[in-house]
Amino acid sequence: MLRTKSVKLKTIPAMAFRIKTAAGPSITIQRADYEQPGIASISRTSGKPIISGNTNLKYYPEEAFEEAIALTNGLTYKRGKGTKVTKEMVKDKKVKEPEEVIIDSADYQKIIDLYSDKNGKLSYDLINKDFIRFAKSSSVVKKMIEEGTTAAKVRNYVVANKIRNITGNHNLEDKQIKKIVELLDETYAKGVFKELNDEIRKMLSANKKKQA
């Protein structure tokens, strides 16, 4: 099976490759100086990039996606995990991609797709409501609350299990879950899961009062 190598862009210091999502072909761009990837689907009619609302246009301008689409045209989709882009990679084509794994951009995109509003922007309300619903319906969480487990541990359990279920990737490691949360947190100054954290603390407080 052919494995597509990332292409080096001239527009910005970054590498790009194509992935296949439920919505169709998409472009992922990863800079050497910025951890969060830039993601855009490709319009079936115009062939132009439809940039994800969570992508920082300061680091990933539209012209970079247009260049990436042109350079990856005809290449097979990249499979497996994403790779960390170094400054050496964007300077020298002969430098091979390292094997170090960050996160699979397809996994990250599934989360963005599920919780984006009609304008394509990650919705704070949608993601918190769904994660809170999971926390309140989980028998494991109920037991953790009754046992007085710390809010941080309950929250980590909820977030990790929801993300694994959403992506369908149950082999995601804790450090990969943490990385995904860090990327989501960049969208909100107070953290994307602040409402979930508040709700878990309320559940723990209510349990203490009940036991008292």
C-alpha atoms as a PDB file:
ATOM      1  CA  MET A   1       0.000   0.000   0.000  1.00  0.00           C
ATOM      2  CA  LEU A   2       1.339   3.429  -0.916  1.00  0.00           C
ATOM      3  CA  ARG A   3       1.797   5.867   1.936  1.00  0.00           C
ATOM      4  CA  THR A   4       1.433   9.493   0.955  1.00  0.00           C
ATOM      5  CA  LYS A   5       4.250  11.742   2.111  1.00  0.00           C
ATOM      6  CA  SER A   6       3.492  15.254   3.233  1.00  0.00           C
ATOM      7  CA  VAL A   7       4.277  18.007   0.753  1.00  0.00           C
ATOM      8  CA  LYS A   8       6.237  21.105   1.745  1.00  0.00           C
ATOM      9  CA  LEU A   9       4.528  24.439   1.223  1.00  0.00           C
ATOM     10  CA  LYS A  10       6.138  27.650   0.026  1.00  0.00           C
ATOM     11  CA  THR A  11       3.366  29.935   1.248  1.00  0.00           C
ATOM     12  CA  ILE A  12       4.084  29.229   4.919  1.00  0.00           C
ATOM     13  CA  PRO A  13       6.661  27.076   6.770  1.00  0.00           C
ATOM     14  CA  ALA A  14       4.502  23.972   6.888  1.00  0.00           C
ATOM     15  CA  MET A  15       3.754  20.493   5.556  1.00  0.00           C
ATOM     16  CA  ALA A  16       0.408  19.401   4.120  1.00  0.00           C
ATOM     17  CA  PHE A  17      -1.394  16.187   3.229  1.00  0.00           C
ATOM     18  CA  ARG A  18      -4.850  14.935   2.294  1.00  0.00           C
ATOM     19  CA  ILE A  19      -7.117  12.877   4.513  1.00  0.00           C
ATOM     20  CA  LYS A  20     -10.496  11.309   3.819  1.00  0.00           C
ATOM     21  CA  THR A  21     -13.390  12.163   6.126  1.00  0.00           C
ATOM     22  CA  ALA A  22     -17.105  11.384   6.093  1.00  0.00           C
ATOM     23  CA  ALA A  23     -17.648  14.729   4.388  1.00  0.00           C
ATOM     24  CA  GLY A  24     -15.133  13.922   1.656  1.00  0.00           C
ATOM     25  CA  PRO A  25     -11.494  14.880   0.976  1.00  0.00           C
ATOM     26  CA  SER A  26      -9.872  17.339   3.346  1.00  0.00           C
ATOM     27  CA  ILE A  27      -6.540  19.096   3.679  1.00  0.00           C
ATOM     28  CA  THR A  28      -4.467  19.130   6.856  1.00  0.00           C
ATOM     29  CA  ILE A  29      -1.601  21.598   7.246  1.00  0.00           C
ATOM     30  CA  GLN A  30       0.898  21.468  10.101  1.00  0.00           C
ATOM     31  CA  ARG A  31       3.355  24.252  10.817  1.00  0.00           C
ATOM     32  CA  ALA A  32       6.747  23.848  12.467  1.00  0.00           C
ATOM     33  CA  ASP A  33       6.145  26.805  14.801  1.00  0.00           C
ATOM     34  CA  TYR A  34       2.509  26.201  15.804  1.00  0.00           C
ATOM     35  CA  GLU A  35       1.139  22.956  17.252  1.00  0.00           C
ATOM     36  CA  GLN A  36      -2.510  23.157  16.228  1.00  0.00           C
ATOM     37  CA  PRO A  37      -3.088  21.895  12.679  1.00  0.00           C
ATOM     38  CA  GLY A  38      -5.001  23.840  10.057  1.00  0.00           C
ATOM     39  CA  ILE A  39      -7.890  21.895   8.531  1.00  0.00           C
ATOM     40  CA  ALA A  40     -10.123  22.521   5.534  1.00  0.00           C
ATOM     41  CA  SER A  41     -12.501  20.390   3.525  1.00  0.00           C
ATOM     42  CA  ILE A  42     -12.448  20.682  -0.255  1.00  0.00           C
ATOM     43  CA  SER A  43     -15.549  21.976  -2.029  1.00  0.00           C
ATOM     44  CA  ARG A  44     -16.969  19.356  -4.387  1.00  0.00           C
ATOM     45  CA  THR A  45     -18.147  22.063  -6.788  1.00  0.00           C
ATOM     46  CA  SER A  46     -15.384  24.672  -6.839  1.00  0.00           C
ATOM     47  CA  GLY A  47     -12.434  22.678  -5.523  1.00  0.00           C
ATOM     48  CA  LYS A  48     -11.706  25.561  -3.166  1.00  0.00           C
ATOM     49  CA  PRO A  49     -10.863  25.101   0.526  1.00  0.00           C
ATOM     50  CA  ILE A  50     -13.645  25.375   3.104  1.00  0.00           C
ATOM     51  CA  ILE A  51     -11.601  26.253   6.157  1.00  0.00           C
ATOM     52  CA  SER A  52     -12.644  24.885   9.558  1.00  0.00           C
ATOM     53  CA  GLY A  53     -13.936  27.543  11.945  1.00  0.00           C
ATOM     54  CA  ASN A  54     -11.406  26.359  14.517  1.00  0.00           C
ATOM     55  CA  THR A  55      -8.438  27.010  12.209  1.00  0.00           C
ATOM     56  CA  ASN A  56      -6.349  30.069  13.060  1.00  0.00           C
ATOM     57  CA  LEU A  57      -6.178  32.105   9.843  1.00  0.00           C
ATOM     58  CA  LYS A  58      -3.205  34.029  11.195  1.00  0.00           C
ATOM     59  CA  TYR A  59      -1.119  30.875  10.906  1.00  0.00           C
ATOM     60  CA  TYR A  60      -3.054  29.166   8.116  1.00  0.00           C
ATOM     61  CA  PRO A  61      -4.175  31.683   5.443  1.00  0.00           C
ATOM     62  CA  GLU A  62      -6.451  30.636   2.611  1.00  0.00           C
ATOM     63  CA  GLU A  63      -3.625  30.808   0.042  1.00  0.00           C
ATOM     64  CA  ALA A  64      -1.752  28.121   1.987  1.00  0.00           C
ATOM     65  CA  PHE A  65      -4.729  25.767   1.625  1.00  0.00           C
ATOM     66  CA  GLU A  66      -5.012  26.578  -2.068  1.00  0.00           C
ATOM     67  CA  GLU A  67      -1.333  25.707  -2.529  1.00  0.00           C
ATOM     68  CA  ALA A  68      -1.782  22.510  -0.506  1.00  0.00           C
ATOM     69  CA  ILE A  69      -4.764  21.432  -2.621  1.00  0.00           C
ATOM     70  CA  ALA A  70      -2.767  21.966  -5.805  1.00  0.00           C
ATOM     71  CA  LEU A  71       0.335  20.145  -4.559  1.00  0.00           C
ATOM     72  CA  THR A  72      -1.571  17.129  -3.211  1.00  0.00           C
ATOM     73  CA  ASN A  73      -3.830  16.778  -6.250  1.00  0.00           C
ATOM     74  CA  GLY A  74      -3.780  13.158  -7.381  1.00  0.00           C
ATOM     75  CA  LEU A  75      -2.005  11.861  -4.287  1.00  0.00           C
ATOM     76  CA  THR A  76      -3.505   9.104  -2.172  1.00  0.00           C
ATOM     77  CA  TYR A  77      -4.937   9.944   1.227  1.00  0.00           C
ATOM     78  CA  LYS A  78      -2.626   9.846   4.209  1.00  0.00           C
ATOM     79  CA  ARG A  79      -3.472   7.169   6.736  1.00  0.00           C
ATOM     80  CA  GLY A  80      -2.459   6.572  10.323  1.00  0.00           C
ATOM     81  CA  LYS A  81      -1.217   9.111  12.819  1.00  0.00           C
ATOM     82  CA  GLY A  82      -0.099  12.661  12.193  1.00  0.00           C
ATOM     83  CA  THR A  83       3.536  13.656  12.417  1.00  0.00           C
ATOM     84  CA  LYS A  84       5.278  16.458  14.236  1.00  0.00           C
ATOM     85  CA  VAL A  85       6.695  18.991  11.802  1.00  0.00           C
ATOM     86  CA  THR A  86      10.123  20.403  12.600  1.00  0.00           C
ATOM     87  CA  LYS A  87      11.894  23.500  11.279  1.00  0.00           C
ATOM     88  CA  GLU A  88      14.339  21.204   9.497  1.00  0.00           C
ATOM     89  CA  MET A  89      11.517  19.557   7.584  1.00  0.00           C
ATOM     90  CA  VAL A  90      10.269  22.814   6.088  1.00  0.00           C
ATOM     91  CA  LYS A  91      13.792  23.869   5.144  1.00  0.00           C
ATOM     92  CA  ASP A  92      15.121  20.665   3.584  1.00  0.00           C
ATOM     93  CA  LYS A  93      13.070  18.310   1.404  1.00  0.00           C
ATOM     94  CA  LYS A  94      15.544  15.487   2.024  1.00  0.00           C
ATOM     95  CA  VAL A  95      14.842  15.369   5.740  1.00  0.00           C
ATOM     96  CA  LYS A  96      12.466  12.493   6.482  1.00  0.00           C
ATOM     97  CA  GLU A  97       9.369  12.890   8.560  1.00  0.00           C
ATOM     98  CA  PRO A  98       9.958  11.780  12.155  1.00  0.00           C
ATOM     99  CA  GLU A  99       7.933   8.917  13.549  1.00  0.00           C
ATOM    100  CA  GLU A 100       6.872  10.870  16.638  1.00  0.00           C
ATOM    101  CA  VAL A 101       3.097  10.785  16.992  1.00  0.00           C
ATOM    102  CA  ILE A 102       1.052  13.809  18.020  1.00  0.00           C
ATOM    103  CA  ILE A 103      -2.598  13.176  17.180  1.00  0.00           C
ATOM    104  CA  ASP A 104      -4.423  11.900  14.146  1.00  0.00           C
ATOM    105  CA  SER A 105      -5.851  14.952  12.398  1.00  0.00           C
ATOM    106  CA  ALA A 106      -8.822  12.841  11.274  1.00  0.00           C
ATOM    107  CA  ASP A 107      -9.686  12.142  14.921  1.00  0.00           C
ATOM    108  CA  TYR A 108      -9.458  15.838  15.729  1.00  0.00           C
ATOM    109  CA  GLN A 109     -11.590  16.750  12.717  1.00  0.00           C
ATOM    110  CA  LYS A 110     -14.369  14.357  13.798  1.00  0.00           C
ATOM    111  CA  ILE A 111     -14.724  16.323  17.033  1.00  0.00           C
ATOM    112  CA  ILE A 112     -14.769  19.641  15.200  1.00  0.00           C
ATOM    113  CA  ASP A 113     -17.341  18.358  12.694  1.00  0.00           C
ATOM    114  CA  LEU A 114     -19.661  17.044  15.401  1.00  0.00           C
ATOM    115  CA  TYR A 115     -19.649  20.172  17.543  1.00  0.00           C
ATOM    116  CA  SER A 116     -19.513  22.929  14.948  1.00  0.00           C
ATOM    117  CA  ASP A 117     -22.418  25.326  14.553  1.00  0.00           C
ATOM    118  CA  LYS A 118     -24.059  26.302  11.250  1.00  0.00           C
ATOM    119  CA  ASN A 119     -21.205  28.751  10.613  1.00  0.00           C
ATOM    120  CA  GLY A 120     -18.603  26.012  10.933  1.00  0.00           C
ATOM    121  CA  LYS A 121     -17.289  27.282  14.276  1.00  0.00           C
ATOM    122  CA  LEU A 122     -16.693  25.032  17.265  1.00  0.00           C
ATOM    123  CA  SER A 123     -19.682  25.501  19.602  1.00  0.00           C
ATOM    124  CA  TYR A 124     -18.946  25.805  23.314  1.00  0.00           C
ATOM    125  CA  ASP A 125     -22.598  25.084  24.140  1.00  0.00           C
ATOM    126  CA  LEU A 126     -22.926  21.983  21.953  1.00  0.00           C
ATOM    127  CA  ILE A 127     -19.797  20.290  23.252  1.00  0.00           C
ATOM    128  CA  ASN A 128     -20.538  20.995  26.925  1.00  0.00           C
ATOM    129  CA  LYS A 129     -24.189  19.925  26.740  1.00  0.00           C
ATOM    130  CA  ASP A 130     -23.234  16.601  25.171  1.00  0.00           C
ATOM    131  CA  PHE A 131     -20.396  15.893  27.593  1.00  0.00           C
ATOM    132  CA  ILE A 132     -22.576  16.836  30.580  1.00  0.00           C
ATOM    133  CA  ARG A 133     -25.340  14.549  29.268  1.00  0.00           C
ATOM    134  CA  PHE A 134     -22.810  11.705  29.119  1.00  0.00           C
ATOM    135  CA  ALA A 135     -21.586  12.442  32.660  1.00  0.00           C
ATOM    136  CA  LYS A 136     -25.114  12.347  34.084  1.00  0.00           C
ATOM    137  CA  SER A 137     -26.061   9.136  32.286  1.00  0.00           C
ATOM    138  CA  SER A 138     -22.869   7.163  33.005  1.00  0.00           C
ATOM    139  CA  SER A 139     -23.097   4.517  35.728  1.00  0.00           C
ATOM    140  CA  VAL A 140     -19.323   4.722  36.146  1.00  0.00           C
ATOM    141  CA  VAL A 141     -19.477   8.466  36.760  1.00  0.00           C
ATOM    142  CA  LYS A 142     -22.339   7.931  39.224  1.00  0.00           C
ATOM    143  CA  LYS A 143     -20.187   5.516  41.188  1.00  0.00           C
ATOM    144  CA  MET A 144     -17.201   7.873  41.083  1.00  0.00           C
ATOM    145  CA  ILE A 145     -19.395  10.698  42.441  1.00  0.00           C
ATOM    146  CA  GLU A 146     -20.745   8.490  45.239  1.00  0.00           C
ATOM    147  CA  GLU A 147     -17.192   7.492  46.167  1.00  0.00           C
ATOM    148  CA  GLY A 148     -16.134  11.122  46.368  1.00  0.00           C
ATOM    149  CA  THR A 149     -13.644  10.932  43.496  1.00  0.00           C
ATOM    150  CA  THR A 150     -11.969  14.251  42.749  1.00  0.00           C
ATOM    151  CA  ALA A 151     -13.554  16.530  40.167  1.00  0.00           C
ATOM    152  CA  ALA A 152     -10.391  16.345  38.041  1.00  0.00           C
ATOM    153  CA  LYS A 153     -10.499  12.545  37.843  1.00  0.00           C
ATOM    154  CA  VAL A 154     -14.212  12.497  37.012  1.00  0.00           C
ATOM    155  CA  ARG A 155     -13.710  15.132  34.350  1.00  0.00           C
ATOM    156  CA  ASN A 156     -10.771  13.236  32.821  1.00  0.00           C
ATOM    157  CA  TYR A 157     -12.836  10.061  32.672  1.00  0.00           C
ATOM    158  CA  VAL A 158     -15.745  11.822  30.962  1.00  0.00           C
ATOM    159  CA  VAL A 159     -13.582  13.656  28.431  1.00  0.00           C
ATOM    160  CA  ALA A 160     -11.394  10.654  27.586  1.00  0.00           C
ATOM    161  CA  ASN A 161     -14.306   8.264  27.066  1.00  0.00           C
ATOM    162  CA  LYS A 162     -16.366  10.731  25.041  1.00  0.00           C
ATOM    163  CA  ILE A 163     -13.447  11.554  22.758  1.00  0.00           C
ATOM    164  CA  ARG A 164     -12.661   7.879  22.204  1.00  0.00           C
ATOM    165  CA  ASN A 165     -16.320   7.191  21.404  1.00  0.00           C
ATOM    166  CA  ILE A 166     -16.604  10.164  19.043  1.00  0.00           C
ATOM    167  CA  THR A 167     -13.462   9.324  17.101  1.00  0.00           C
ATOM    168  CA  GLY A 168     -14.052   5.573  17.201  1.00  0.00           C
ATOM    169  CA  ASN A 169     -10.388   5.296  18.163  1.00  0.00           C
ATOM    170  CA  HIS A 170     -10.353   3.412  21.468  1.00  0.00           C
ATOM    171  CA  ASN A 171      -6.571   3.129  21.314  1.00  0.00           C
ATOM    172  CA  LEU A 172      -6.065   6.838  21.950  1.00  0.00           C
ATOM    173  CA  GLU A 173      -3.540   7.272  24.730  1.00  0.00           C
ATOM    174  CA  ASP A 174      -4.060   9.660  27.642  1.00  0.00           C
ATOM    175  CA  LYS A 175      -1.341  11.973  26.307  1.00  0.00           C
ATOM    176  CA  GLN A 176      -3.135  12.142  22.962  1.00  0.00           C
ATOM    177  CA  ILE A 177      -6.419  12.961  24.716  1.00  0.00           C
ATOM    178  CA  LYS A 178      -4.611  15.701  26.617  1.00  0.00           C
ATOM    179  CA  LYS A 179      -3.217  17.123  23.376  1.00  0.00           C
ATOM    180  CA  ILE A 180      -6.688  17.211  21.778  1.00  0.00           C
ATOM    181  CA  VAL A 181      -8.081  19.044  24.814  1.00  0.00           C
ATOM    182  CA  GLU A 182      -5.210  21.545  24.665  1.00  0.00           C
ATOM    183  CA  LEU A 183      -6.028  22.296  21.034  1.00  0.00           C
ATOM    184  CA  LEU A 184      -9.725  22.717  21.833  1.00  0.00           C
ATOM    185  CA  ASP A 185      -8.868  24.958  24.781  1.00  0.00           C
ATOM    186  CA  GLU A 186      -7.154  27.431  22.470  1.00  0.00           C
ATOM    187  CA  THR A 187     -10.597  28.429  21.239  1.00  0.00           C
ATOM    188  CA  TYR A 188     -11.743  29.622  24.670  1.00  0.00           C
ATOM    189  CA  ALA A 189      -9.689  31.633  27.164  1.00  0.00           C
ATOM    190  CA  LYS A 190     -11.348  29.935  30.160  1.00  0.00           C
ATOM    191  CA  GLY A 191     -11.134  26.462  28.653  1.00  0.00           C
ATOM    192  CA  VAL A 192     -13.622  24.690  26.431  1.00  0.00           C
ATOM    193  CA  PHE A 193     -14.837  22.393  29.247  1.00  0.00           C
ATOM    194  CA  LYS A 194     -15.427  25.028  31.945  1.00  0.00           C
ATOM    195  CA  GLU A 195     -19.181  24.337  32.027  1.00  0.00           C
ATOM    196  CA  LEU A 196     -18.551  20.591  32.283  1.00  0.00           C
ATOM    197  CA  ASN A 197     -16.104  21.185  35.156  1.00  0.00           C
ATOM    198  CA  ASP A 198     -18.662  23.358  36.970  1.00  0.00           C
ATOM    199  CA  GLU A 199     -21.367  20.713  36.541  1.00  0.00           C
ATOM    200  CA  ILE A 200     -19.143  17.942  37.918  1.00  0.00           C
ATOM    201  CA  ARG A 201     -18.358  20.049  40.985  1.00  0.00           C
ATOM    202  CA  LYS A 202     -22.112  20.581  41.495  1.00  0.00           C
ATOM    203  CA  MET A 203     -22.686  16.819  41.290  1.00  0.00           C
ATOM    204  CA  LEU A 204     -19.990  16.177  43.893  1.00  0.00           C
ATOM    205  CA  SER A 205     -21.363  18.892  46.160  1.00  0.00           C
ATOM    206  CA  ALA A 206     -24.902  17.513  45.899  1.00  0.00           C
ATOM    207  CA  ASN A 207     -23.637  14.040  46.774  1.00  0.00           C
ATOM    208  CA  LYS A 208     -21.876  15.344  49.898  1.00  0.00           C
ATOM    209  CA  LYS A 209     -25.054  17.063  51.060  1.00  0.00           C
ATOM    210  CA  LYS A 210     -27.033  13.876  50.407  1.00  0.00           C
ATOM    211  CA  GLN A 211     -24.609  11.770  52.453  1.00  0.00           C
ATOM    212  CA  ALA A 212     -24.640  14.334  55.254  1.00  0.00           C
END
